[in-house]
All heavy atoms as atom14 arrays in JSON, in Angstrom:
{
  "sequence": "VILWALAVLVVVTAILTALLEWPARRLVPLLLFL",
  "atom14_mask": [
    [1, 1, 1, 1, 1, 1, 1, 0, 0, 0, 0, 0, 0, 0],
    [1, 1, 1, 1, 1, 1, 1, 1, 0, 0, 0, 0, 0, 0],
    [1, 1, 1, 1, 1, 1, 1, 1, 0, 0, 0, 0, 0, 0],
    [1, 1, 1, 1, 1, 1, 1, 1, 1, 1, 1, 1, 1, 1],
    [1, 1, 1, 1, 1, 0, 0, 0, 0, 0, 0, 0, 0, 0],
    [1, 1, 1, 1, 1, 1, 1, 1, 0, 0, 0, 0, 0, 0],
    [1, 1, 1, 1, 1, 0, 0, 0, 0, 0, 0, 0, 0, 0],
    [1, 1, 1, 1, 1, 1, 1, 0, 0, 0, 0, 0, 0, 0],
    [1, 1, 1, 1, 1, 1, 1, 1, 0, 0, 0, 0, 0, 0],
    [1, 1, 1, 1, 1, 1, 1, 0, 0, 0, 0, 0, 0, 0],
    [1, 1, 1, 1, 1, 1, 1, 0, 0, 0, 0, 0, 0, 0],
    [1, 1, 1, 1, 1, 1, 1, 0, 0, 0, 0, 0, 0, 0],
    [1, 1, 1, 1, 1, 1, 1, 0, 0, 0, 0, 0, 0, 0],
    [1, 1, 1, 1, 1, 0, 0, 0, 0, 0, 0, 0, 0, 0],
    [1, 1, 1, 1, 1, 1, 1, 1, 0, 0, 0, 0, 0, 0],
    [1, 1, 1, 1, 1, 1, 1, 1, 0, 0, 0, 0, 0, 0],
    [1, 1, 1, 1, 1, 1, 1, 0, 0, 0, 0, 0, 0, 0],
    [1, 1, 1, 1, 1, 0, 0, 0, 0, 0, 0, 0, 0, 0],
    [1, 1, 1, 1, 1, 1, 1, 1, 0, 0, 0, 0, 0, 0],
    [1, 1, 1, 1, 1, 1, 1, 1, 0, 0, 0, 0, 0, 0],
    [1, 1, 1, 1, 1, 1, 1, 1, 1, 0, 0, 0, 0, 0],
    [1, 1, 1, 1, 1, 1, 1, 1, 1, 1, 1, 1, 1, 1],
    [1, 1, 1, 1, 1, 1, 1, 0, 0, 0, 0, 0, 0, 0],
    [1, 1, 1, 1, 1, 0, 0, 0, 0, 0, 0, 0, 0, 0],
    [1, 1, 1, 1, 1, 1, 1, 1, 1, 1, 1, 0, 0, 0],
    [1, 1, 1, 1, 1, 1, 1, 1, 1, 1, 1, 0, 0, 0],
    [1, 1, 1, 1, 1, 1, 1, 1, 0, 0, 0, 0, 0, 0],
    [1, 1, 1, 1, 1, 1, 1, 0, 0, 0, 0, 0, 0, 0],
    [1, 1, 1, 1, 1, 1, 1, 0, 0, 0, 0, 0, 0, 0],
    [1, 1, 1, 1, 1, 1, 1, 1, 0, 0, 0, 0, 0, 0],
    [1, 1, 1, 1, 1, 1, 1, 1, 0, 0, 0, 0, 0, 0],
    [1, 1, 1, 1, 1, 1, 1, 1, 0, 0, 0, 0, 0, 0],
    [1, 1, 1, 1, 1, 1, 1, 1, 1, 1, 1, 0, 0, 0],
    [1, 1, 1, 1, 1, 1, 1, 1, 0, 0, 0, 0, 0, 0]
  ],
  "atom14_positions": [
    [[0.84, -1.2, 0.0], [0.0, 0.0, 0.0], [0.88, 1.25, 0.0], [0.62, 2.21, -0.76], [-0.94, 0.01, 1.22], [-1.68, 1.33, 1.32], [-1.93, -1.17, 1.13], [0.0, 0.0, 0.0], [0.0, 0.0, 0.0], [0.0, 0.0, 0.0], [0.0, 0.0, 0.0], [0.0, 0.0, 0.0], [0.0, 0.0, 0.0], [0.0, 0.0, 0.0]],
    [[1.91, 1.25, 0.82], [2.81, 2.41, 0.87], [3.58, 2.54, -0.43], [3.79, 3.67, -0.93], [3.77, 2.28, 2.07], [2.98, 2.39, 3.38], [4.85, 3.35, 2.02], [3.83, 2.23, 4.62], [0.0, 0.0, 0.0], [0.0, 0.0, 0.0], [0.0, 0.0, 0.0], [0.0, 0.0, 0.0], [0.0, 0.0, 0.0], [0.0, 0.0, 0.0]],
    [[3.99, 1.44, -1.02], [4.7, 1.5, -2.3], [3.82, 2.09, -3.39], [4.28, 2.9, -4.21], [5.19, 0.1, -2.7], [6.3, -0.51, -1.83], [6.64, -1.91, -2.33], [7.53, 0.38, -1.84], [0.0, 0.0, 0.0], [0.0, 0.0, 0.0], [0.0, 0.0, 0.0], [0.0, 0.0, 0.0], [0.0, 0.0, 0.0], [0.0, 0.0, 0.0]],
    [[2.54, 1.69, -3.38], [1.6, 2.3, -4.35], [1.43, 3.78, -4.1], [1.4, 4.6, -5.03], [0.23, 1.6, -4.27], [0.11, 0.43, -5.19], [-0.02, -0.89, -4.86], [0.12, 0.47, -6.63], [-0.1, -1.67, -5.98], [-0.03, -0.88, -7.09], [0.21, 1.48, -7.56], [-0.06, -1.19, -8.44], [0.19, 1.15, -8.91], [0.04, -0.16, -9.35]],
    [[1.31, 4.18, -2.81], [1.13, 5.58, -2.48], [2.35, 6.4, -2.95], [2.2, 7.49, -3.47], [0.92, 5.73, -0.97], [0.0, 0.0, 0.0], [0.0, 0.0, 0.0], [0.0, 0.0, 0.0], [0.0, 0.0, 0.0], [0.0, 0.0, 0.0], [0.0, 0.0, 0.0], [0.0, 0.0, 0.0], [0.0, 0.0, 0.0], [0.0, 0.0, 0.0]],
    [[3.54, 5.87, -2.74], [4.75, 6.57, -3.15], [4.8, 6.68, -4.67], [5.23, 7.72, -5.21], [5.98, 5.85, -2.6], [6.2, 5.92, -1.09], [7.33, 5.01, -0.67], [6.48, 7.36, -0.66], [0.0, 0.0, 0.0], [0.0, 0.0, 0.0], [0.0, 0.0, 0.0], [0.0, 0.0, 0.0], [0.0, 0.0, 0.0], [0.0, 0.0, 0.0]],
    [[4.41, 5.63, -5.37], [4.41, 5.65, -6.83], [3.46, 6.73, -7.35], [3.79, 7.48, -8.26], [4.04, 4.3, -7.39], [0.0, 0.0, 0.0], [0.0, 0.0, 0.0], [0.0, 0.0, 0.0], [0.0, 0.0, 0.0], [0.0, 0.0, 0.0], [0.0, 0.0, 0.0], [0.0, 0.0, 0.0], [0.0, 0.0, 0.0], [0.0, 0.0, 0.0]],
    [[2.26, 6.78, -6.75], [1.27, 7.8, -7.15], [1.82, 9.21, -6.86], [1.68, 10.12, -7.69], [-0.06, 7.58, -6.43], [-1.01, 8.76, -6.65], [-0.7, 6.28, -6.89], [0.0, 0.0, 0.0], [0.0, 0.0, 0.0], [0.0, 0.0, 0.0], [0.0, 0.0, 0.0], [0.0, 0.0, 0.0], [0.0, 0.0, 0.0], [0.0, 0.0, 0.0]],
    [[2.45, 9.37, -5.69], [2.99, 10.69, -5.33], [4.05, 11.12, -6.34], [4.1, 12.29, -6.75], [3.6, 10.61, -3.94], [4.24, 11.9, -3.4], [3.21, 13.0, -3.31], [4.9, 11.66, -2.05], [0.0, 0.0, 0.0], [0.0, 0.0, 0.0], [0.0, 0.0, 0.0], [0.0, 0.0, 0.0], [0.0, 0.0, 0.0], [0.0, 0.0, 0.0]],
    [[4.9, 10.19, -6.76], [5.95, 10.51, -7.73], [5.35, 10.99, -9.05], [5.76, 12.0, -9.62], [6.87, 9.29, -7.95], [7.72, 9.48, -9.21], [7.74, 9.04, -6.76], [0.0, 0.0, 0.0], [0.0, 0.0, 0.0], [0.0, 0.0, 0.0], [0.0, 0.0, 0.0], [0.0, 0.0, 0.0], [0.0, 0.0, 0.0], [0.0, 0.0, 0.0]],
    [[4.35, 10.27, -9.53], [3.74, 10.6, -10.82], [2.98, 11.93, -10.73], [3.05, 12.77, -11.62], [2.83, 9.46, -11.3], [2.04, 9.86, -12.53], [3.68, 8.23, -11.59], [0.0, 0.0, 0.0], [0.0, 0.0, 0.0], [0.0, 0.0, 0.0], [0.0, 0.0, 0.0], [0.0, 0.0, 0.0], [0.0, 0.0, 0.0], [0.0, 0.0, 0.0]],
    [[2.26, 12.13, -9.64], [1.5, 13.38, -9.46], [2.47, 14.57, -9.4], [2.24, 15.62, -10.0], [0.65, 13.33, -8.17], [0.09, 14.72, -7.84], [-0.51, 12.34, -8.37], [0.0, 0.0, 0.0], [0.0, 0.0, 0.0], [0.0, 0.0, 0.0], [0.0, 0.0, 0.0], [0.0, 0.0, 0.0], [0.0, 0.0, 0.0], [0.0, 0.0, 0.0]],
    [[3.62, 14.4, -8.71], [4.61, 15.45, -8.66], [5.14, 15.77, -10.06], [5.3, 16.96, -10.42], [5.8, 15.02, -7.78], [5.32, 14.71, -6.47], [6.83, 16.11, -7.67], [0.0, 0.0, 0.0], [0.0, 0.0, 0.0], [0.0, 0.0, 0.0], [0.0, 0.0, 0.0], [0.0, 0.0, 0.0], [0.0, 0.0, 0.0], [0.0, 0.0, 0.0]],
    [[5.36, 14.76, -10.87], [5.83, 14.97, -12.24], [4.77, 15.74, -13.06], [5.12, 16.65, -13.82], [6.14, 13.63, -12.89], [0.0, 0.0, 0.0], [0.0, 0.0, 0.0], [0.0, 0.0, 0.0], [0.0, 0.0, 0.0], [0.0, 0.0, 0.0], [0.0, 0.0, 0.0], [0.0, 0.0, 0.0], [0.0, 0.0, 0.0], [0.0, 0.0, 0.0]],
    [[3.5, 15.36, -12.91], [2.44, 16.03, -13.66], [2.33, 17.49, -13.28], [2.24, 18.38, -14.13], [1.1, 15.3, -13.43], [1.16, 13.88, -14.04], [-0.05, 16.1, -14.03], [-0.07, 13.05, -13.7], [0.0, 0.0, 0.0], [0.0, 0.0, 0.0], [0.0, 0.0, 0.0], [0.0, 0.0, 0.0], [0.0, 0.0, 0.0], [0.0, 0.0, 0.0]],
    [[2.35, 17.77, -11.97], [2.23, 19.16, -11.51], [3.41, 20.0, -11.98], [3.27, 21.15, -12.41], [2.13, 19.21, -9.99], [0.85, 18.62, -9.38], [0.91, 18.65, -7.86], [-0.37, 19.36, -9.87], [0.0, 0.0, 0.0], [0.0, 0.0, 0.0], [0.0, 0.0, 0.0], [0.0, 0.0, 0.0], [0.0, 0.0, 0.0], [0.0, 0.0, 0.0]],
    [[4.61, 19.41, -11.94], [5.79, 20.13, -12.41], [5.69, 20.44, -13.9], [6.05, 21.52, -14.35], [7.06, 19.33, -12.12], [7.1, 18.98, -10.74], [8.3, 20.11, -12.48], [0.0, 0.0, 0.0], [0.0, 0.0, 0.0], [0.0, 0.0, 0.0], [0.0, 0.0, 0.0], [0.0, 0.0, 0.0], [0.0, 0.0, 0.0], [0.0, 0.0, 0.0]],
    [[5.19, 19.46, -14.65], [5.03, 19.67, -16.1], [4.04, 20.78, -16.41], [4.22, 21.58, -17.33], [4.63, 18.37, -16.79], [0.0, 0.0, 0.0], [0.0, 0.0, 0.0], [0.0, 0.0, 0.0], [0.0, 0.0, 0.0], [0.0, 0.0, 0.0], [0.0, 0.0, 0.0], [0.0, 0.0, 0.0], [0.0, 0.0, 0.0], [0.0, 0.0, 0.0]],
    [[2.95, 20.8, -15.62], [1.91, 21.83, -15.87], [2.41, 23.23, -15.55], [1.94, 24.21, -16.13], [0.67, 21.51, -15.01], [-0.13, 20.26, -15.41], [-1.29, 20.05, -14.45], [-0.65, 20.38, -16.83], [0.0, 0.0, 0.0], [0.0, 0.0, 0.0], [0.0, 0.0, 0.0], [0.0, 0.0, 0.0], [0.0, 0.0, 0.0], [0.0, 0.0, 0.0]],
    [[3.38, 23.33, -14.65], [3.94, 24.66, -14.34], [4.71, 25.25, -15.5], [4.86, 26.47, -15.61], [4.87, 24.54, -13.13], [4.2, 24.39, -11.77], [5.25, 24.1, -10.7], [3.42, 25.66, -11.41], [0.0, 0.0, 0.0], [0.0, 0.0, 0.0], [0.0, 0.0, 0.0], [0.0, 0.0, 0.0], [0.0, 0.0, 0.0], [0.0, 0.0, 0.0]],
    [[5.22, 24.38, -16.41], [6.01, 24.83, -17.55], [7.17, 25.74, -17.12], [7.4, 26.81, -17.64], [5.12, 25.55, -18.58], [4.01, 24.69, -19.16], [3.26, 25.37, -20.28], [3.71, 26.41, -20.75], [2.21, 24.85, -20.68], [0.0, 0.0, 0.0], [0.0, 0.0, 0.0], [0.0, 0.0, 0.0], [0.0, 0.0, 0.0], [0.0, 0.0, 0.0]],
    [[7.91, 25.26, -16.12], [9.03, 26.03, -15.6], [10.17, 26.08, -16.61], [10.4, 25.13, -17.35], [9.54, 25.4, -14.31], [8.74, 25.78, -13.12], [7.7, 26.64, -13.05], [8.94, 25.27, -11.78], [7.21, 26.72, -11.77], [7.97, 25.89, -10.98], [9.83, 24.39, -11.2], [7.86, 25.65, -9.62], [9.74, 24.14, -9.85], [8.76, 24.77, -9.07]],
    [[10.93, 27.21, -16.62], [12.12, 27.26, -17.46], [13.22, 26.38, -16.86], [13.14, 25.94, -15.71], [12.51, 28.75, -17.4], [11.96, 29.23, -16.11], [10.69, 28.46, -15.89], [0.0, 0.0, 0.0], [0.0, 0.0, 0.0], [0.0, 0.0, 0.0], [0.0, 0.0, 0.0], [0.0, 0.0, 0.0], [0.0, 0.0, 0.0], [0.0, 0.0, 0.0]],
    [[14.27, 26.14, -17.65], [15.36, 25.23, -17.24], [16.03, 25.7, -15.96], [16.43, 24.88, -15.14], [16.39, 25.11, -18.38], [0.0, 0.0, 0.0], [0.0, 0.0, 0.0], [0.0, 0.0, 0.0], [0.0, 0.0, 0.0], [0.0, 0.0, 0.0], [0.0, 0.0, 0.0], [0.0, 0.0, 0.0], [0.0, 0.0, 0.0], [0.0, 0.0, 0.0]],
    [[16.16, 27.01, -15.76], [16.86, 27.51, -14.59], [16.14, 27.14, -13.28], [16.77, 27.05, -12.23], [17.04, 29.04, -14.67], [15.74, 29.8, -14.73], [15.96, 31.3, -14.9], [14.73, 32.0, -15.07], [13.92, 32.38, -14.08], [14.28, 32.06, -12.84], [12.81, 33.02, -14.29], [0.0, 0.0, 0.0], [0.0, 0.0, 0.0], [0.0, 0.0, 0.0]],
    [[14.84, 26.91, -13.36], [14.11, 26.46, -12.18], [13.9, 24.94, -12.19], [13.82, 24.34, -11.12], [12.74, 27.16, -12.12], [12.81, 28.66, -11.97], [11.46, 29.29, -11.82], [10.79, 28.89, -10.57], [9.55, 29.2, -10.24], [8.8, 29.91, -11.09], [9.05, 28.82, -9.09], [0.0, 0.0, 0.0], [0.0, 0.0, 0.0], [0.0, 0.0, 0.0]],
    [[13.83, 24.39, -13.37], [13.57, 22.95, -13.45], [14.8, 22.12, -13.06], [14.67, 21.09, -12.39], [13.16, 22.59, -14.89], [12.72, 21.14, -15.14], [11.56, 20.77, -14.27], [12.4, 20.92, -16.61], [0.0, 0.0, 0.0], [0.0, 0.0, 0.0], [0.0, 0.0, 0.0], [0.0, 0.0, 0.0], [0.0, 0.0, 0.0], [0.0, 0.0, 0.0]],
    [[15.98, 22.56, -13.46], [17.2, 21.79, -13.15], [17.41, 21.62, -11.65], [17.68, 20.52, -11.17], [18.43, 22.41, -13.82], [19.71, 21.78, -13.33], [18.31, 22.28, -15.34], [0.0, 0.0, 0.0], [0.0, 0.0, 0.0], [0.0, 0.0, 0.0], [0.0, 0.0, 0.0], [0.0, 0.0, 0.0], [0.0, 0.0, 0.0], [0.0, 0.0, 0.0]],
    [[17.3, 22.71, -10.82], [17.42, 22.48, -9.38], [16.39, 21.51, -8.82], [16.69, 20.73, -7.92], [17.23, 23.9, -8.79], [17.62, 24.82, -9.9], [17.19, 24.13, -11.15], [0.0, 0.0, 0.0], [0.0, 0.0, 0.0], [0.0, 0.0, 0.0], [0.0, 0.0, 0.0], [0.0, 0.0, 0.0], [0.0, 0.0, 0.0], [0.0, 0.0, 0.0]],
    [[15.16, 21.58, -9.36], [14.12, 20.63, -8.9], [14.51, 19.2, -9.23], [14.37, 18.3, -8.39], [12.78, 20.97, -9.53], [11.64, 19.99, -9.21], [11.33, 19.99, -7.72], [10.39, 20.36, -10.0], [0.0, 0.0, 0.0], [0.0, 0.0, 0.0], [0.0, 0.0, 0.0], [0.0, 0.0, 0.0], [0.0, 0.0, 0.0], [0.0, 0.0, 0.0]],
    [[15.02, 18.99, -10.45], [15.45, 17.63, -10.84], [16.58, 17.14, -9.94], [16.57, 15.98, -9.51], [15.89, 17.64, -12.29], [14.79, 17.56, -13.35], [15.37, 17.72, -14.73], [14.01, 16.26, -13.25], [0.0, 0.0, 0.0], [0.0, 0.0, 0.0], [0.0, 0.0, 0.0], [0.0, 0.0, 0.0], [0.0, 0.0, 0.0], [0.0, 0.0, 0.0]],
    [[17.52, 18.02, -9.64], [18.62, 17.61, -8.77], [18.09, 17.27, -7.37], [18.55, 16.3, -6.74], [19.65, 18.76, -8.67], [20.43, 19.06, -9.96], [21.32, 20.28, -9.75], [21.23, 17.85, -10.39], [0.0, 0.0, 0.0], [0.0, 0.0, 0.0], [0.0, 0.0, 0.0], [0.0, 0.0, 0.0], [0.0, 0.0, 0.0], [0.0, 0.0, 0.0]],
    [[17.14, 18.04, -6.89], [16.53, 17.77, -5.58], [15.83, 16.41, -5.59], [15.97, 15.62, -4.67], [15.56, 18.88, -5.22], [14.71, 18.57, -3.98], [15.26, 18.65, -2.73], [13.4, 18.18, -4.13], [14.5, 18.36, -1.59], [12.61, 17.89, -3.02], [13.18, 17.97, -1.74], [0.0, 0.0, 0.0], [0.0, 0.0, 0.0], [0.0, 0.0, 0.0]],
    [[15.07, 16.13, -6.66], [14.36, 14.87, -6.75], [15.3, 13.68, -6.83], [15.08, 12.63, -6.22], [13.43, 14.87, -7.95], [12.2, 15.78, -7.84], [11.46, 15.86, -9.16], [11.26, 15.31, -6.73], [0.0, 0.0, 0.0], [0.0, 0.0, 0.0], [0.0, 0.0, 0.0], [0.0, 0.0, 0.0], [0.0, 0.0, 0.0], [0.0, 0.0, 0.0]]
  ]
}
């Protein structure tokens, strides 16, 4: 159950980040953090 919850959280985070349409200068630090 926790593994499924973490998988959903990862995908939702990716979708929200994509919808923000951030430029590379903001996206690269986020990717490094992830």
